[in-house]
Amino acid sequence: MGILNRFKKKDNIPQGYVEISLEYTQEETHAIKEFLALYTDQYELAPRAVSSFSAQALIAYADYLKNETQANKYVERVCYELIDKAR
C-alpha cells in the first residue's frame, strides 16, 4: 500500500456508517464556492479535502451571519443548522 492509496475512495464502508447527502441553499453554495476558490486555483484538492474545506466554509459563513445580525434568533437557528451540516 503506497502513501497515495490512502486518499482513494474505499469500497468497503465500515459497519455503522451511513452516507448522508446534503442539499445546500444558494447562499451556502455560494459561500462554499468562494472559499474553495481560494485553494483550488493553486492546488488540486482530494475529495476529502474538498469536504473539509466545505465544512470550514459553512462554519465561516455561519460566523459571518452571526456577526452581521447579532440579536436575530432566526439567523442563530440557521447558524446552528449550518454548523450541523458541516459536521
N, C-alpha and C. Protein backbone atom coordinates (compact mmCIF):
# COMPACT_ATOMS: atom_id res chain seq x y z
N MET A 1 0.85 -1.18 0.00
CA MET A 1 0.00 0.00 0.00
C MET A 1 0.89 1.23 0.00
N GLY A 2 0.79 2.00 -1.05
CA GLY A 2 1.57 3.22 -1.15
C GLY A 2 0.91 4.36 -0.40
N ILE A 3 1.66 5.40 -0.23
CA ILE A 3 1.13 6.56 0.51
C ILE A 3 -0.03 7.22 -0.23
N LEU A 4 -0.03 7.15 -1.56
CA LEU A 4 -1.10 7.79 -2.32
C LEU A 4 -2.39 6.98 -2.31
N ASN A 5 -2.32 5.70 -1.95
CA ASN A 5 -3.53 4.87 -1.90
C ASN A 5 -4.44 5.24 -0.73
N ARG A 6 -3.93 5.97 0.23
CA ARG A 6 -4.75 6.36 1.38
C ARG A 6 -5.91 7.26 0.98
N PHE A 7 -5.73 8.03 -0.09
CA PHE A 7 -6.70 9.04 -0.45
C PHE A 7 -7.73 8.55 -1.46
N LYS A 8 -7.61 7.30 -1.90
CA LYS A 8 -8.59 6.75 -2.81
C LYS A 8 -9.85 6.39 -2.04
N LYS A 9 -10.99 6.50 -2.71
CA LYS A 9 -12.26 6.16 -2.06
C LYS A 9 -12.30 4.66 -1.80
N LYS A 10 -12.67 4.31 -0.61
CA LYS A 10 -12.72 2.91 -0.22
C LYS A 10 -14.10 2.33 -0.53
N ASP A 11 -14.10 1.11 -1.05
CA ASP A 11 -15.35 0.45 -1.42
C ASP A 11 -16.09 -0.07 -0.19
N ASN A 12 -15.37 -0.55 0.78
CA ASN A 12 -16.00 -1.14 1.97
C ASN A 12 -16.20 -0.07 3.03
N ILE A 13 -17.45 0.34 3.20
CA ILE A 13 -17.77 1.31 4.23
C ILE A 13 -17.93 0.56 5.54
N PRO A 14 -17.27 1.02 6.61
CA PRO A 14 -17.38 0.31 7.89
C PRO A 14 -18.83 0.23 8.37
N GLN A 15 -19.13 -0.85 9.08
CA GLN A 15 -20.48 -1.05 9.58
C GLN A 15 -20.82 0.06 10.58
N GLY A 16 -22.01 0.60 10.47
CA GLY A 16 -22.43 1.66 11.36
C GLY A 16 -22.36 3.04 10.71
N TYR A 17 -21.61 3.15 9.61
CA TYR A 17 -21.51 4.42 8.91
C TYR A 17 -22.58 4.49 7.83
N VAL A 18 -23.17 5.65 7.68
CA VAL A 18 -24.21 5.85 6.68
C VAL A 18 -23.83 7.08 5.87
N GLU A 19 -23.88 6.95 4.55
CA GLU A 19 -23.59 8.09 3.69
C GLU A 19 -24.78 9.05 3.72
N ILE A 20 -24.49 10.32 3.92
CA ILE A 20 -25.53 11.34 4.02
C ILE A 20 -25.39 12.30 2.85
N SER A 21 -26.49 12.55 2.17
CA SER A 21 -26.45 13.54 1.10
C SER A 21 -27.13 14.81 1.61
N LEU A 22 -26.46 15.93 1.40
CA LEU A 22 -26.97 17.21 1.88
C LEU A 22 -27.35 18.10 0.71
N GLU A 23 -28.35 18.90 0.92
CA GLU A 23 -28.73 19.90 -0.07
C GLU A 23 -28.48 21.27 0.54
N TYR A 24 -27.71 22.08 -0.17
CA TYR A 24 -27.36 23.40 0.32
C TYR A 24 -28.22 24.46 -0.36
N THR A 25 -28.45 25.55 0.37
CA THR A 25 -29.16 26.67 -0.23
C THR A 25 -28.22 27.39 -1.19
N GLN A 26 -28.78 28.33 -1.93
CA GLN A 26 -27.97 29.09 -2.89
C GLN A 26 -26.89 29.90 -2.18
N GLU A 27 -27.20 30.48 -1.03
CA GLU A 27 -26.22 31.27 -0.28
C GLU A 27 -25.10 30.37 0.26
N GLU A 28 -25.47 29.19 0.75
CA GLU A 28 -24.47 28.26 1.26
C GLU A 28 -23.55 27.79 0.14
N THR A 29 -24.13 27.47 -1.00
CA THR A 29 -23.33 27.03 -2.14
C THR A 29 -22.38 28.13 -2.59
N HIS A 30 -22.86 29.35 -2.60
CA HIS A 30 -22.01 30.48 -2.99
C HIS A 30 -20.85 30.66 -2.01
N ALA A 31 -21.13 30.54 -0.72
CA ALA A 31 -20.08 30.67 0.30
C ALA A 31 -19.03 29.57 0.15
N ILE A 32 -19.47 28.36 -0.13
CA ILE A 32 -18.55 27.24 -0.30
C ILE A 32 -17.69 27.46 -1.54
N LYS A 33 -18.30 27.88 -2.64
CA LYS A 33 -17.54 28.10 -3.88
C LYS A 33 -16.49 29.20 -3.71
N GLU A 34 -16.85 30.27 -3.02
CA GLU A 34 -15.89 31.34 -2.79
C GLU A 34 -14.72 30.87 -1.93
N PHE A 35 -15.03 30.08 -0.91
CA PHE A 35 -13.98 29.57 -0.01
C PHE A 35 -13.07 28.60 -0.76
N LEU A 36 -13.66 27.72 -1.56
CA LEU A 36 -12.86 26.75 -2.31
C LEU A 36 -12.03 27.42 -3.40
N ALA A 37 -12.51 28.53 -3.94
CA ALA A 37 -11.78 29.23 -4.99
C ALA A 37 -10.42 29.72 -4.49
N LEU A 38 -10.31 29.98 -3.20
CA LEU A 38 -9.03 30.41 -2.64
C LEU A 38 -7.96 29.33 -2.78
N TYR A 39 -8.37 28.07 -2.73
CA TYR A 39 -7.43 26.96 -2.70
C TYR A 39 -7.35 26.19 -4.01
N THR A 40 -8.48 26.05 -4.71
CA THR A 40 -8.48 25.23 -5.92
C THR A 40 -7.78 25.92 -7.08
N ASP A 41 -7.60 27.23 -7.02
CA ASP A 41 -6.86 27.92 -8.07
C ASP A 41 -5.38 27.53 -8.04
N GLN A 42 -4.88 27.25 -6.85
CA GLN A 42 -3.46 26.95 -6.69
C GLN A 42 -3.18 25.45 -6.61
N TYR A 43 -4.09 24.68 -6.07
CA TYR A 43 -3.85 23.27 -5.80
C TYR A 43 -5.02 22.43 -6.30
N GLU A 44 -4.73 21.17 -6.60
CA GLU A 44 -5.81 20.23 -6.89
C GLU A 44 -6.10 19.49 -5.59
N LEU A 45 -7.33 19.57 -5.13
CA LEU A 45 -7.68 19.02 -3.82
C LEU A 45 -8.29 17.63 -3.95
N ALA A 46 -7.97 16.78 -2.99
CA ALA A 46 -8.59 15.46 -2.90
C ALA A 46 -10.04 15.62 -2.43
N PRO A 47 -10.90 14.66 -2.74
CA PRO A 47 -12.31 14.76 -2.32
C PRO A 47 -12.49 14.97 -0.82
N ARG A 48 -11.65 14.33 -0.02
CA ARG A 48 -11.74 14.52 1.43
C ARG A 48 -11.40 15.94 1.81
N ALA A 49 -10.43 16.53 1.11
CA ALA A 49 -10.05 17.91 1.39
C ALA A 49 -11.18 18.86 1.01
N VAL A 50 -11.86 18.57 -0.10
CA VAL A 50 -12.99 19.40 -0.52
C VAL A 50 -14.08 19.36 0.54
N SER A 51 -14.35 18.17 1.09
CA SER A 51 -15.35 18.05 2.15
C SER A 51 -14.94 18.85 3.38
N SER A 52 -13.68 18.77 3.71
CA SER A 52 -13.16 19.51 4.87
C SER A 52 -13.27 21.01 4.66
N PHE A 53 -12.87 21.47 3.48
CA PHE A 53 -12.95 22.90 3.20
C PHE A 53 -14.39 23.37 3.11
N SER A 54 -15.29 22.51 2.64
CA SER A 54 -16.71 22.87 2.60
C SER A 54 -17.24 23.07 4.01
N ALA A 55 -16.85 22.20 4.92
CA ALA A 55 -17.26 22.34 6.32
C ALA A 55 -16.72 23.63 6.91
N GLN A 56 -15.46 23.94 6.62
CA GLN A 56 -14.87 25.19 7.10
C GLN A 56 -15.58 26.39 6.51
N ALA A 57 -15.97 26.30 5.24
CA ALA A 57 -16.68 27.40 4.61
C ALA A 57 -18.04 27.63 5.26
N LEU A 58 -18.75 26.54 5.58
CA LEU A 58 -20.06 26.68 6.23
C LEU A 58 -19.93 27.28 7.62
N ILE A 59 -18.89 26.89 8.34
CA ILE A 59 -18.67 27.47 9.67
C ILE A 59 -18.32 28.94 9.57
N ALA A 60 -17.49 29.31 8.59
CA ALA A 60 -17.13 30.71 8.39
C ALA A 60 -18.37 31.52 7.99
N TYR A 61 -19.23 30.95 7.15
CA TYR A 61 -20.45 31.63 6.74
C TYR A 61 -21.40 31.81 7.92
N ALA A 62 -21.51 30.80 8.77
CA ALA A 62 -22.35 30.90 9.97
C ALA A 62 -21.82 31.99 10.89
N ASP A 63 -20.51 32.05 11.05
CA ASP A 63 -19.89 33.08 11.88
C ASP A 63 -20.15 34.47 11.30
N TYR A 64 -20.07 34.59 9.98
CA TYR A 64 -20.36 35.86 9.31
C TYR A 64 -21.80 36.29 9.56
N LEU A 65 -22.75 35.35 9.41
CA LEU A 65 -24.16 35.69 9.65
C LEU A 65 -24.40 36.10 11.10
N LYS A 66 -23.75 35.40 12.01
CA LYS A 66 -23.92 35.71 13.43
C LYS A 66 -23.39 37.09 13.75
N ASN A 67 -22.27 37.46 13.17
CA ASN A 67 -21.69 38.78 13.43
C ASN A 67 -22.49 39.90 12.77
N GLU A 68 -23.09 39.62 11.62
CA GLU A 68 -23.86 40.65 10.90
C GLU A 68 -25.16 41.00 11.62
N THR A 69 -25.81 40.00 12.13
CA THR A 69 -27.09 40.23 12.81
C THR A 69 -27.02 39.57 14.18
N GLN A 70 -26.71 40.33 15.17
CA GLN A 70 -26.38 39.77 16.47
C GLN A 70 -27.60 39.28 17.25
N ALA A 71 -28.73 39.96 17.19
CA ALA A 71 -29.85 39.60 18.06
C ALA A 71 -30.96 38.85 17.34
N ASN A 72 -30.73 38.44 16.13
CA ASN A 72 -31.79 37.80 15.35
C ASN A 72 -31.82 36.29 15.64
N LYS A 73 -32.88 35.81 16.23
CA LYS A 73 -33.00 34.39 16.60
C LYS A 73 -33.06 33.49 15.38
N TYR A 74 -33.67 33.97 14.29
CA TYR A 74 -33.75 33.16 13.07
C TYR A 74 -32.36 32.86 12.54
N VAL A 75 -31.53 33.87 12.47
CA VAL A 75 -30.18 33.69 11.95
C VAL A 75 -29.39 32.76 12.87
N GLU A 76 -29.64 32.86 14.15
CA GLU A 76 -28.97 31.97 15.11
C GLU A 76 -29.34 30.52 14.84
N ARG A 77 -30.61 30.26 14.56
CA ARG A 77 -31.06 28.90 14.26
C ARG A 77 -30.44 28.41 12.96
N VAL A 78 -30.37 29.30 11.95
CA VAL A 78 -29.74 28.94 10.68
C VAL A 78 -28.26 28.63 10.88
N CYS A 79 -27.60 29.39 11.74
CA CYS A 79 -26.18 29.15 12.02
C CYS A 79 -25.98 27.77 12.61
N TYR A 80 -26.85 27.39 13.54
CA TYR A 80 -26.72 26.07 14.14
C TYR A 80 -26.97 24.97 13.11
N GLU A 81 -27.90 25.22 12.18
CA GLU A 81 -28.15 24.24 11.13
C GLU A 81 -26.93 24.11 10.22
N LEU A 82 -26.28 25.24 9.91
CA LEU A 82 -25.08 25.21 9.06
C LEU A 82 -23.94 24.46 9.75
N ILE A 83 -23.77 24.71 11.03
CA ILE A 83 -22.72 24.03 11.77
C ILE A 83 -23.02 22.54 11.84
N ASP A 84 -24.31 22.18 11.96
CA ASP A 84 -24.68 20.78 11.98
C ASP A 84 -24.41 20.13 10.62
N LYS A 85 -24.66 20.86 9.53
CA LYS A 85 -24.35 20.34 8.19
C LYS A 85 -22.85 20.18 8.02
N ALA A 86 -22.08 21.04 8.64
CA ALA A 86 -20.61 20.99 8.49
C ALA A 86 -20.02 19.75 9.15
N ARG A 87 -20.69 19.21 10.13
CA ARG A 87 -20.19 18.02 10.82
C ARG A 87 -20.30 16.88 9.90
